[in-house]
Each structure stands twice: as C-alpha cells, then as structure tokens.
Amino acid sequence: MKLRGLLRDKDICDVVATILEIKPGVNELGSYLAIMLYKTKTPAKVFRWRVDPDFIPERIRYRLPESVVSDALEKLHSGLAKDEEIEIDSEGEQVPAEDTFVVAIEKVGEFKRVQLEGMQWLWNMQAVCRNAVLCSTWLSRNVKPNVEDPARPQATLLHLLETWPKETLG
C-alpha cells in the first residue's frame, strides 16, 4: 500500500487518523513524511488563540514548520485559558472545549488546535522514523561486519524498518 496515493489531498487530521489505523512500517511512513508538504515560509509568528465553537477550518493539506507549531501550542498551554470562564454541564462537570480553540497565525491562516496537534504528531513521527533509519544504518555498518553471523543483525535491521514505529520490537 502506498501512503502517497492513499493520503493525497487529505486534511491533516485525516492523515493522522489513517496512519494510526493502518500503522505502516518505518520505511514507508518515513518516506511519506519526508516528502509531505509543509509551508517553509511563515514570515510572522504572531499567534492569537481564541475560543470559537462555530469555527469551520479549511482542509489543511500541509504542515507548518515544526517551530511554528511548537510555539503556537506552547502559547496555548502557557496562558490562553487563564482567567477565562468555563462552562459546566448539569452534572457539575466541565464541558470539554478542546475542539473550540482556534489560532490565527498572522500572514499564514487560522487553524484548530487539533490540526496543530496533528502537525506536531507528524513531526514527531518523522523524527522517530529518522532515528530508526539511523539505527538500521548503524546496524548495517558497524554491527554486521563485526559479528560471526551477519544474518541476525540483517534480520533485526529489516524487522526494524518494516515495523510500525510505536510497536515494541521483539
């Protein structure tokens, strides 16, 4: 199965959900994430978070740069909800408003919190895949030539590259 064809023109949240559902191996996922579009130019980093339950996001088919995503989410976690009123339901429980947070990034666009969290998850998965490939390169270059039976490191290397990045190797 080719991720590029399957995920073409999908929203960032759909991309994350599909990847979590099919759980591709390191090679396939890393290859897809390496070519996935991301906006390289974000001239301003002025973030304005707001609560807007009626906001309908555009379909986002790209990632923002990792630093922009991290900065925007950090701003949300460090201060948006301070001194704001919260809504409580009839049971006395706070009504979840996670999907109502919207950020306006000057000269870039408006995004829901879940979209930014999806972008951050994809950046994290790309780093995990990159590290797995580096590990397999180390196995191939440093371990295989120095053991009596090179088949075992080779089998480990192949298993590593074909396994879902969050799966425990056994």
C-alpha atoms as a PDB file:
ATOM      1  CA  MET A   1       0.000   0.000   0.000  1.00  0.00           C
ATOM      2  CA  LYS A   2       1.388   3.397  -0.961  1.00  0.00           C
ATOM      3  CA  LEU A   3       0.747   6.170   1.534  1.00  0.00           C
ATOM      4  CA  ARG A   4       1.271   8.905  -1.035  1.00  0.00           C
ATOM      5  CA  GLY A   5      -1.681   7.790  -3.129  1.00  0.00           C
ATOM      6  CA  LEU A   6      -3.862   6.953  -0.149  1.00  0.00           C
ATOM      7  CA  LEU A   7      -3.297  10.254   1.661  1.00  0.00           C
ATOM      8  CA  ARG A   8      -3.200  12.617  -1.315  1.00  0.00           C
ATOM      9  CA  ASP A   9      -5.452  15.668  -0.803  1.00  0.00           C
ATOM     10  CA  LYS A  10      -6.422  14.597   2.735  1.00  0.00           C
ATOM     11  CA  ASP A  11      -6.779  17.010   5.628  1.00  0.00           C
ATOM     12  CA  ILE A  12      -4.007  16.848   8.231  1.00  0.00           C
ATOM     13  CA  CYS A  13      -6.392  15.262  10.778  1.00  0.00           C
ATOM     14  CA  ASP A  14      -7.446  12.605   8.248  1.00  0.00           C
ATOM     15  CA  VAL A  15      -3.774  11.877   7.534  1.00  0.00           C
ATOM     16  CA  VAL A  16      -3.085  11.273  11.235  1.00  0.00           C
ATOM     17  CA  ALA A  17      -6.195   9.093  11.670  1.00  0.00           C
ATOM     18  CA  THR A  18      -5.355   6.997   8.602  1.00  0.00           C
ATOM     19  CA  ILE A  19      -1.747   6.484   9.669  1.00  0.00           C
ATOM     20  CA  LEU A  20      -2.877   5.433  13.147  1.00  0.00           C
ATOM     21  CA  GLU A  21      -5.343   2.995  11.614  1.00  0.00           C
ATOM     22  CA  ILE A  22      -3.061   1.268   9.098  1.00  0.00           C
ATOM     23  CA  LYS A  23       0.196   1.526  11.114  1.00  0.00           C
ATOM     24  CA  PRO A  24       2.727   1.474   8.270  1.00  0.00           C
ATOM     25  CA  GLY A  25       6.341   0.462   8.810  1.00  0.00           C
ATOM     26  CA  VAL A  26       9.208   2.859   9.456  1.00  0.00           C
ATOM     27  CA  ASN A  27      10.407   2.790   5.831  1.00  0.00           C
ATOM     28  CA  GLU A  28       7.037   3.591   4.301  1.00  0.00           C
ATOM     29  CA  LEU A  29       5.990   6.149   6.913  1.00  0.00           C
ATOM     30  CA  GLY A  30       9.366   7.882   6.947  1.00  0.00           C
ATOM     31  CA  SER A  31       9.380   8.067   3.164  1.00  0.00           C
ATOM     32  CA  TYR A  32       5.914   9.638   3.117  1.00  0.00           C
ATOM     33  CA  LEU A  33       6.664  12.144   5.878  1.00  0.00           C
ATOM     34  CA  ALA A  34       9.919  13.189   4.224  1.00  0.00           C
ATOM     35  CA  ILE A  35       8.034  14.373   1.131  1.00  0.00           C
ATOM     36  CA  MET A  36       4.850  15.624   2.814  1.00  0.00           C
ATOM     37  CA  LEU A  37       4.289  19.284   2.029  1.00  0.00           C
ATOM     38  CA  TYR A  38       4.984  21.887   4.624  1.00  0.00           C
ATOM     39  CA  LYS A  39       4.958  25.655   4.450  1.00  0.00           C
ATOM     40  CA  THR A  40       8.551  26.762   4.551  1.00  0.00           C
ATOM     41  CA  LYS A  41       7.876  30.463   4.854  1.00  0.00           C
ATOM     42  CA  THR A  42       5.936  31.777   7.776  1.00  0.00           C
ATOM     43  CA  PRO A  43       7.002  35.416   7.950  1.00  0.00           C
ATOM     44  CA  ALA A  44       5.320  36.323  11.214  1.00  0.00           C
ATOM     45  CA  LYS A  45       4.910  34.360  14.379  1.00  0.00           C
ATOM     46  CA  VAL A  46       2.126  36.375  15.950  1.00  0.00           C
ATOM     47  CA  PHE A  47      -0.318  33.894  17.466  1.00  0.00           C
ATOM     48  CA  ARG A  48      -3.787  34.855  18.621  1.00  0.00           C
ATOM     49  CA  TRP A  49      -5.691  31.997  20.241  1.00  0.00           C
ATOM     50  CA  ARG A  50      -9.417  32.289  20.804  1.00  0.00           C
ATOM     51  CA  VAL A  51     -12.361  30.096  21.699  1.00  0.00           C
ATOM     52  CA  ASP A  52     -14.710  29.792  18.740  1.00  0.00           C
ATOM     53  CA  PRO A  53     -17.085  26.807  18.762  1.00  0.00           C
ATOM     54  CA  ASP A  54     -18.531  27.837  15.381  1.00  0.00           C
ATOM     55  CA  PHE A  55     -15.210  27.981  13.524  1.00  0.00           C
ATOM     56  CA  ILE A  56     -15.099  25.673  10.497  1.00  0.00           C
ATOM     57  CA  PRO A  57     -11.495  25.063   9.469  1.00  0.00           C
ATOM     58  CA  GLU A  58     -10.258  24.811   5.930  1.00  0.00           C
ATOM     59  CA  ARG A  59      -8.881  21.493   4.761  1.00  0.00           C
ATOM     60  CA  ILE A  60      -5.206  21.736   5.630  1.00  0.00           C
ATOM     61  CA  ARG A  61      -3.076  19.547   3.370  1.00  0.00           C
ATOM     62  CA  TYR A  62       0.315  20.667   4.644  1.00  0.00           C
ATOM     63  CA  ARG A  63       2.291  21.052   7.839  1.00  0.00           C
ATOM     64  CA  LEU A  64       3.529  24.291   9.261  1.00  0.00           C
ATOM     65  CA  PRO A  65       7.214  24.345  10.245  1.00  0.00           C
ATOM     66  CA  GLU A  66       7.849  22.418  13.430  1.00  0.00           C
ATOM     67  CA  SER A  67       8.996  25.514  15.332  1.00  0.00           C
ATOM     68  CA  VAL A  68       5.798  27.409  14.458  1.00  0.00           C
ATOM     69  CA  VAL A  69       3.604  24.513  15.601  1.00  0.00           C
ATOM     70  CA  SER A  70       5.543  24.155  18.866  1.00  0.00           C
ATOM     71  CA  ASP A  71       5.451  27.888  19.572  1.00  0.00           C
ATOM     72  CA  ALA A  72       1.704  28.125  18.918  1.00  0.00           C
ATOM     73  CA  LEU A  73       0.877  25.137  21.138  1.00  0.00           C
ATOM     74  CA  GLU A  74       3.211  26.416  23.859  1.00  0.00           C
ATOM     75  CA  LYS A  75       1.391  29.747  23.833  1.00  0.00           C
ATOM     76  CA  LEU A  76      -1.916  27.901  24.212  1.00  0.00           C
ATOM     77  CA  HIS A  77      -0.678  25.753  27.101  1.00  0.00           C
ATOM     78  CA  SER A  78       1.036  28.617  28.903  1.00  0.00           C
ATOM     79  CA  GLY A  79      -1.680  31.172  29.040  1.00  0.00           C
ATOM     80  CA  LEU A  80      -4.801  31.089  26.919  1.00  0.00           C
ATOM     81  CA  ALA A  81      -7.131  29.549  29.474  1.00  0.00           C
ATOM     82  CA  LYS A  82      -6.028  31.657  32.434  1.00  0.00           C
ATOM     83  CA  ASP A  83      -8.845  33.733  33.932  1.00  0.00           C
ATOM     84  CA  GLU A  84     -11.403  32.530  31.386  1.00  0.00           C
ATOM     85  CA  GLU A  85     -14.903  31.446  32.251  1.00  0.00           C
ATOM     86  CA  ILE A  86     -15.658  27.752  31.918  1.00  0.00           C
ATOM     87  CA  GLU A  87     -18.963  26.136  31.105  1.00  0.00           C
ATOM     88  CA  ILE A  88     -20.293  23.466  33.448  1.00  0.00           C
ATOM     89  CA  ASP A  89     -22.971  20.951  32.473  1.00  0.00           C
ATOM     90  CA  SER A  90     -25.928  19.875  34.625  1.00  0.00           C
ATOM     91  CA  GLU A  91     -23.842  17.159  36.300  1.00  0.00           C
ATOM     92  CA  GLY A  92     -21.329  19.733  37.525  1.00  0.00           C
ATOM     93  CA  GLU A  93     -18.678  18.590  35.059  1.00  0.00           C
ATOM     94  CA  GLN A  94     -16.723  20.965  32.899  1.00  0.00           C
ATOM     95  CA  VAL A  95     -17.850  20.836  29.274  1.00  0.00           C
ATOM     96  CA  PRO A  96     -14.882  19.885  27.114  1.00  0.00           C
ATOM     97  CA  ALA A  97     -13.970  22.674  24.731  1.00  0.00           C
ATOM     98  CA  GLU A  98     -10.852  21.137  23.221  1.00  0.00           C
ATOM     99  CA  ASP A  99     -12.156  21.433  19.677  1.00  0.00           C
ATOM    100  CA  THR A 100     -13.167  25.063  20.118  1.00  0.00           C
ATOM    101  CA  PHE A 101      -9.648  26.522  20.351  1.00  0.00           C
ATOM    102  CA  VAL A 102      -8.645  28.362  17.177  1.00  0.00           C
ATOM    103  CA  VAL A 103      -5.345  30.097  16.479  1.00  0.00           C
ATOM    104  CA  ALA A 104      -4.835  32.873  13.966  1.00  0.00           C
ATOM    105  CA  ILE A 105      -1.244  32.971  12.771  1.00  0.00           C
ATOM    106  CA  GLU A 106      -0.567  36.287  11.130  1.00  0.00           C
ATOM    107  CA  LYS A 107       0.022  36.033   7.362  1.00  0.00           C
ATOM    108  CA  VAL A 108      -0.421  32.243   7.467  1.00  0.00           C
ATOM    109  CA  GLY A 109      -4.011  31.358   8.363  1.00  0.00           C
ATOM    110  CA  GLU A 110      -6.346  30.044  11.039  1.00  0.00           C
ATOM    111  CA  PHE A 111      -6.105  26.555  12.466  1.00  0.00           C
ATOM    112  CA  LYS A 112      -7.940  24.472  15.024  1.00  0.00           C
ATOM    113  CA  ARG A 113      -5.985  23.113  17.956  1.00  0.00           C
ATOM    114  CA  VAL A 114      -6.491  19.546  16.750  1.00  0.00           C
ATOM    115  CA  GLN A 115      -4.907  20.443  13.394  1.00  0.00           C
ATOM    116  CA  LEU A 116      -1.802  21.841  15.093  1.00  0.00           C
ATOM    117  CA  GLU A 117      -1.593  18.809  17.370  1.00  0.00           C
ATOM    118  CA  GLY A 118      -1.820  16.599  14.276  1.00  0.00           C
ATOM    119  CA  MET A 119       1.021  18.529  12.663  1.00  0.00           C
ATOM    120  CA  GLN A 120       3.097  18.153  15.818  1.00  0.00           C
ATOM    121  CA  TRP A 121       2.398  14.405  15.922  1.00  0.00           C
ATOM    122  CA  LEU A 122       3.530  14.067  12.293  1.00  0.00           C
ATOM    123  CA  TRP A 123       6.760  15.978  13.013  1.00  0.00           C
ATOM    124  CA  ASN A 124       7.390  13.682  16.000  1.00  0.00           C
ATOM    125  CA  MET A 125       6.750  10.574  13.895  1.00  0.00           C
ATOM    126  CA  GLN A 126       9.129  11.858  11.232  1.00  0.00           C
ATOM    127  CA  ALA A 127      11.849  12.207  13.894  1.00  0.00           C
ATOM    128  CA  VAL A 128      11.134   8.683  15.185  1.00  0.00           C
ATOM    129  CA  CYS A 129      11.387   7.265  11.652  1.00  0.00           C
ATOM    130  CA  ARG A 130      14.612   9.182  11.008  1.00  0.00           C
ATOM    131  CA  ASN A 131      16.126   7.783  14.220  1.00  0.00           C
ATOM    132  CA  ALA A 132      15.049   4.245  13.294  1.00  0.00           C
ATOM    133  CA  VAL A 133      16.743   4.599   9.901  1.00  0.00           C
ATOM    134  CA  LEU A 134      19.899   5.872  11.617  1.00  0.00           C
ATOM    135  CA  CYS A 135      19.776   2.853  13.933  1.00  0.00           C
ATOM    136  CA  SER A 136      19.434   0.486  10.987  1.00  0.00           C
ATOM    137  CA  THR A 137      22.371   2.218   9.272  1.00  0.00           C
ATOM    138  CA  TRP A 138      24.436   1.695  12.416  1.00  0.00           C
ATOM    139  CA  LEU A 139      23.465  -1.989  12.480  1.00  0.00           C
ATOM    140  CA  SER A 140      24.433  -2.362   8.839  1.00  0.00           C
ATOM    141  CA  ARG A 141      27.752  -0.500   9.008  1.00  0.00           C
ATOM    142  CA  ASN A 142      29.045  -1.228  12.495  1.00  0.00           C
ATOM    143  CA  VAL A 143      27.468  -4.431  13.747  1.00  0.00           C
ATOM    144  CA  LYS A 144      27.063  -6.680  10.698  1.00  0.00           C
ATOM    145  CA  PRO A 145      30.753  -6.652   9.689  1.00  0.00           C
ATOM    146  CA  ASN A 146      31.874  -7.437  13.256  1.00  0.00           C
ATOM    147  CA  VAL A 147      29.770 -10.489  14.094  1.00  0.00           C
ATOM    148  CA  GLU A 148      30.191 -14.119  13.120  1.00  0.00           C
ATOM    149  CA  ASP A 149      26.644 -14.458  11.837  1.00  0.00           C
ATOM    150  CA  PRO A 150      25.651 -11.307   9.880  1.00  0.00           C
ATOM    151  CA  ALA A 151      22.186 -12.756   9.240  1.00  0.00           C
ATOM    152  CA  ARG A 152      20.965 -11.835  12.737  1.00  0.00           C
ATOM    153  CA  PRO A 153      21.755  -8.099  12.507  1.00  0.00           C
ATOM    154  CA  GLN A 154      20.338  -8.114   8.967  1.00  0.00           C
ATOM    155  CA  ALA A 155      17.097  -9.700  10.184  1.00  0.00           C
ATOM    156  CA  THR A 156      16.880  -7.149  13.012  1.00  0.00           C
ATOM    157  CA  LEU A 157      17.519  -4.319  10.574  1.00  0.00           C
ATOM    158  CA  LEU A 158      14.766  -5.490   8.221  1.00  0.00           C
ATOM    159  CA  HIS A 159      12.360  -6.052  11.103  1.00  0.00           C
ATOM    160  CA  LEU A 160      13.067  -2.542  12.395  1.00  0.00           C
ATOM    161  CA  LEU A 161      12.350  -0.924   9.028  1.00  0.00           C
ATOM    162  CA  GLU A 162       9.151  -2.900   8.392  1.00  0.00           C
ATOM    163  CA  THR A 163       7.632  -2.371  11.848  1.00  0.00           C
ATOM    164  CA  TRP A 164       5.200   0.338  12.966  1.00  0.00           C
ATOM    165  CA  PRO A 165       7.378   2.891  14.820  1.00  0.00           C
ATOM    166  CA  LYS A 166       5.421   2.636  18.078  1.00  0.00           C
ATOM    167  CA  GLU A 167       5.457  -1.164  18.183  1.00  0.00           C
ATOM    168  CA  THR A 168       7.796  -2.903  20.602  1.00  0.00           C
ATOM    169  CA  LEU A 169      10.498  -4.860  18.829  1.00  0.00           C
ATOM    170  CA  GLY A 170      10.654  -8.436  19.998  1.00  0.00           C
END
